[in-house]
Amino acid sequence: MLDKDLLEQYADLMGDEGVHEMYMTFADNIGGYLDHLQWLVKERKEQDVRSQAHRVKGACRSMGLTELAKTMERFERESWSWKEAETELAQWAKDLPAHQHQIEAWLNARRV
């Protein structure tokens, strides 16, 4: 679920505090990104959904959240139905806190 090697590389480059600040930016923004994506799905704006999914994918990958990024990559590149999108985004939203908890636990273990 969490690419700890990537986070370790960030910690080596930016220090633990830098990784913490990066995570806080992610945590502050991901809810808005998701809300916007869900709105785009509701409005049936396929190209905008694909574009927003690309943004969310990048945000997730930058924090080592590879599993969450894979779902967004699917929305960005593959075929899907509107019903699938609604269902998968609802599940993605439910899964997000568990993934964030993993990052928080990693940061806490480093005493950041």
C-alpha atoms as a PDB file:
ATOM      1  CA  MET A   1       0.000   0.000   0.000  1.00  0.00           C
ATOM      2  CA  LEU A   2       2.845   2.396   0.823  1.00  0.00           C
ATOM      3  CA  ASP A   3       6.115   2.824  -1.063  1.00  0.00           C
ATOM      4  CA  LYS A   4       8.365   3.286   1.951  1.00  0.00           C
ATOM      5  CA  ASP A   5      11.482   3.273  -0.216  1.00  0.00           C
ATOM      6  CA  LEU A   6      10.240   6.420  -1.946  1.00  0.00           C
ATOM      7  CA  LEU A   7       9.518   8.093   1.382  1.00  0.00           C
ATOM      8  CA  GLU A   8      12.992   7.129   2.600  1.00  0.00           C
ATOM      9  CA  GLN A   9      14.506   8.743  -0.485  1.00  0.00           C
ATOM     10  CA  TYR A  10      12.520  11.913   0.207  1.00  0.00           C
ATOM     11  CA  ALA A  11      13.677  11.872   3.821  1.00  0.00           C
ATOM     12  CA  ASP A  12      17.281  11.583   2.681  1.00  0.00           C
ATOM     13  CA  LEU A  13      16.829  14.570   0.349  1.00  0.00           C
ATOM     14  CA  MET A  14      14.513  16.833   2.363  1.00  0.00           C
ATOM     15  CA  GLY A  15      14.762  15.531   5.885  1.00  0.00           C
ATOM     16  CA  ASP A  16      11.916  14.134   7.942  1.00  0.00           C
ATOM     17  CA  GLU A  17      10.375  17.558   8.419  1.00  0.00           C
ATOM     18  CA  GLY A  18      10.317  18.106   4.670  1.00  0.00           C
ATOM     19  CA  VAL A  19       8.457  14.830   4.166  1.00  0.00           C
ATOM     20  CA  HIS A  20       6.049  15.827   6.921  1.00  0.00           C
ATOM     21  CA  GLU A  21       5.366  19.178   5.259  1.00  0.00           C
ATOM     22  CA  MET A  22       4.866  17.439   1.927  1.00  0.00           C
ATOM     23  CA  TYR A  23       2.366  15.069   3.540  1.00  0.00           C
ATOM     24  CA  MET A  24       0.517  17.934   5.209  1.00  0.00           C
ATOM     25  CA  THR A  25       0.125  19.627   1.824  1.00  0.00           C
ATOM     26  CA  PHE A  26      -1.188  16.359   0.389  1.00  0.00           C
ATOM     27  CA  ALA A  27      -3.594  15.883   3.306  1.00  0.00           C
ATOM     28  CA  ASP A  28      -4.862  19.461   3.001  1.00  0.00           C
ATOM     29  CA  ASN A  29      -5.534  19.123  -0.731  1.00  0.00           C
ATOM     30  CA  ILE A  30      -6.573  15.541  -1.473  1.00  0.00           C
ATOM     31  CA  GLY A  31     -10.134  15.995  -0.188  1.00  0.00           C
ATOM     32  CA  GLY A  32     -10.728  18.904  -2.543  1.00  0.00           C
ATOM     33  CA  TYR A  33      -9.202  16.986  -5.437  1.00  0.00           C
ATOM     34  CA  LEU A  34     -11.518  14.064  -4.717  1.00  0.00           C
ATOM     35  CA  ASP A  35     -14.586  16.278  -4.332  1.00  0.00           C
ATOM     36  CA  HIS A  36     -13.854  17.914  -7.670  1.00  0.00           C
ATOM     37  CA  LEU A  37     -13.341  14.546  -9.339  1.00  0.00           C
ATOM     38  CA  GLN A  38     -16.631  13.248  -7.948  1.00  0.00           C
ATOM     39  CA  TRP A  39     -18.390  16.397  -9.181  1.00  0.00           C
ATOM     40  CA  LEU A  40     -16.899  15.924 -12.660  1.00  0.00           C
ATOM     41  CA  VAL A  41     -18.199  12.347 -12.712  1.00  0.00           C
ATOM     42  CA  LYS A  42     -21.634  13.528 -11.631  1.00  0.00           C
ATOM     43  CA  GLU A  43     -21.566  16.135 -14.425  1.00  0.00           C
ATOM     44  CA  ARG A  44     -20.410  13.480 -16.930  1.00  0.00           C
ATOM     45  CA  LYS A  45     -17.346  15.440 -18.100  1.00  0.00           C
ATOM     46  CA  GLU A  46     -15.142  12.620 -19.307  1.00  0.00           C
ATOM     47  CA  GLN A  47     -12.095  14.587 -20.488  1.00  0.00           C
ATOM     48  CA  ASP A  48     -12.089  16.630 -17.294  1.00  0.00           C
ATOM     49  CA  VAL A  49     -12.401  13.424 -15.239  1.00  0.00           C
ATOM     50  CA  ARG A  50      -9.370  12.023 -17.022  1.00  0.00           C
ATOM     51  CA  SER A  51      -7.406  15.219 -16.442  1.00  0.00           C
ATOM     52  CA  GLN A  52      -8.332  15.412 -12.756  1.00  0.00           C
ATOM     53  CA  ALA A  53      -7.545  11.711 -12.302  1.00  0.00           C
ATOM     54  CA  HIS A  54      -4.075  12.470 -13.683  1.00  0.00           C
ATOM     55  CA  ARG A  55      -3.603  15.161 -11.007  1.00  0.00           C
ATOM     56  CA  VAL A  56      -4.810  12.897  -8.219  1.00  0.00           C
ATOM     57  CA  LYS A  57      -2.595  10.060  -9.495  1.00  0.00           C
ATOM     58  CA  GLY A  58       0.428  12.330  -9.338  1.00  0.00           C
ATOM     59  CA  ALA A  59      -0.411  13.500  -5.836  1.00  0.00           C
ATOM     60  CA  CYS A  60      -0.792   9.904  -4.668  1.00  0.00           C
ATOM     61  CA  ARG A  61       2.393   8.726  -6.336  1.00  0.00           C
ATOM     62  CA  SER A  62       4.330  11.610  -4.843  1.00  0.00           C
ATOM     63  CA  MET A  63       3.357  10.307  -1.384  1.00  0.00           C
ATOM     64  CA  GLY A  64       4.085   6.668  -2.161  1.00  0.00           C
ATOM     65  CA  LEU A  65       0.401   5.708  -2.338  1.00  0.00           C
ATOM     66  CA  THR A  66       0.784   3.392  -5.298  1.00  0.00           C
ATOM     67  CA  GLU A  67      -2.459   1.459  -4.859  1.00  0.00           C
ATOM     68  CA  LEU A  68      -4.557   4.627  -4.824  1.00  0.00           C
ATOM     69  CA  ALA A  69      -2.624   5.929  -7.823  1.00  0.00           C
ATOM     70  CA  LYS A  70      -3.440   2.779  -9.822  1.00  0.00           C
ATOM     71  CA  THR A  71      -7.166   3.495  -9.586  1.00  0.00           C
ATOM     72  CA  MET A  72      -6.609   7.032 -10.808  1.00  0.00           C
ATOM     73  CA  GLU A  73      -4.444   5.794 -13.662  1.00  0.00           C
ATOM     74  CA  ARG A  74      -7.321   3.582 -14.748  1.00  0.00           C
ATOM     75  CA  PHE A  75      -9.658   6.602 -14.813  1.00  0.00           C
ATOM     76  CA  GLU A  76      -7.058   8.556 -16.730  1.00  0.00           C
ATOM     77  CA  ARG A  77      -6.239   5.987 -19.412  1.00  0.00           C
ATOM     78  CA  GLU A  78      -8.761   3.158 -19.637  1.00  0.00           C
ATOM     79  CA  SER A  79     -12.412   2.659 -20.512  1.00  0.00           C
ATOM     80  CA  TRP A  80     -14.987   2.832 -17.726  1.00  0.00           C
ATOM     81  CA  SER A  81     -18.681   3.480 -17.295  1.00  0.00           C
ATOM     82  CA  TRP A  82     -20.132   6.316 -15.253  1.00  0.00           C
ATOM     83  CA  LYS A  83     -21.596   3.820 -12.782  1.00  0.00           C
ATOM     84  CA  GLU A  84     -18.182   2.165 -12.383  1.00  0.00           C
ATOM     85  CA  ALA A  85     -16.603   5.558 -11.816  1.00  0.00           C
ATOM     86  CA  GLU A  86     -19.130   6.491  -9.141  1.00  0.00           C
ATOM     87  CA  THR A  87     -18.741   3.155  -7.354  1.00  0.00           C
ATOM     88  CA  GLU A  88     -14.958   3.080  -7.547  1.00  0.00           C
ATOM     89  CA  LEU A  89     -14.595   6.682  -6.382  1.00  0.00           C
ATOM     90  CA  ALA A  90     -16.863   6.012  -3.418  1.00  0.00           C
ATOM     91  CA  GLN A  91     -14.680   3.047  -2.463  1.00  0.00           C
ATOM     92  CA  TRP A  92     -11.509   5.062  -3.092  1.00  0.00           C
ATOM     93  CA  ALA A  93     -12.786   7.739  -0.706  1.00  0.00           C
ATOM     94  CA  LYS A  94     -13.463   5.083   1.948  1.00  0.00           C
ATOM     95  CA  ASP A  95      -9.987   3.591   1.484  1.00  0.00           C
ATOM     96  CA  LEU A  96      -8.102   6.899   1.565  1.00  0.00           C
ATOM     97  CA  PRO A  97      -7.973   7.295   5.384  1.00  0.00           C
ATOM     98  CA  ALA A  98      -6.346   3.867   5.834  1.00  0.00           C
ATOM     99  CA  HIS A  99      -3.665   4.796   3.314  1.00  0.00           C
ATOM    100  CA  GLN A 100      -3.110   8.152   4.974  1.00  0.00           C
ATOM    101  CA  HIS A 101      -2.813   6.379   8.320  1.00  0.00           C
ATOM    102  CA  GLN A 102       0.085   4.362   6.913  1.00  0.00           C
ATOM    103  CA  ILE A 103       1.962   7.537   6.021  1.00  0.00           C
ATOM    104  CA  GLU A 104       1.180   9.021   9.425  1.00  0.00           C
ATOM    105  CA  ALA A 105       2.422   5.854  11.149  1.00  0.00           C
ATOM    106  CA  TRP A 106       5.611   5.983   9.081  1.00  0.00           C
ATOM    107  CA  LEU A 107       6.135   9.623  10.040  1.00  0.00           C
ATOM    108  CA  ASN A 108       5.360   8.915  13.709  1.00  0.00           C
ATOM    109  CA  ALA A 109       7.868   6.053  13.731  1.00  0.00           C
ATOM    110  CA  ARG A 110      10.436   8.610  12.604  1.00  0.00           C
ATOM    111  CA  ARG A 111       9.168  10.951  15.354  1.00  0.00           C
ATOM    112  CA  VAL A 112       8.199  13.751  13.034  1.00  0.00           C
END
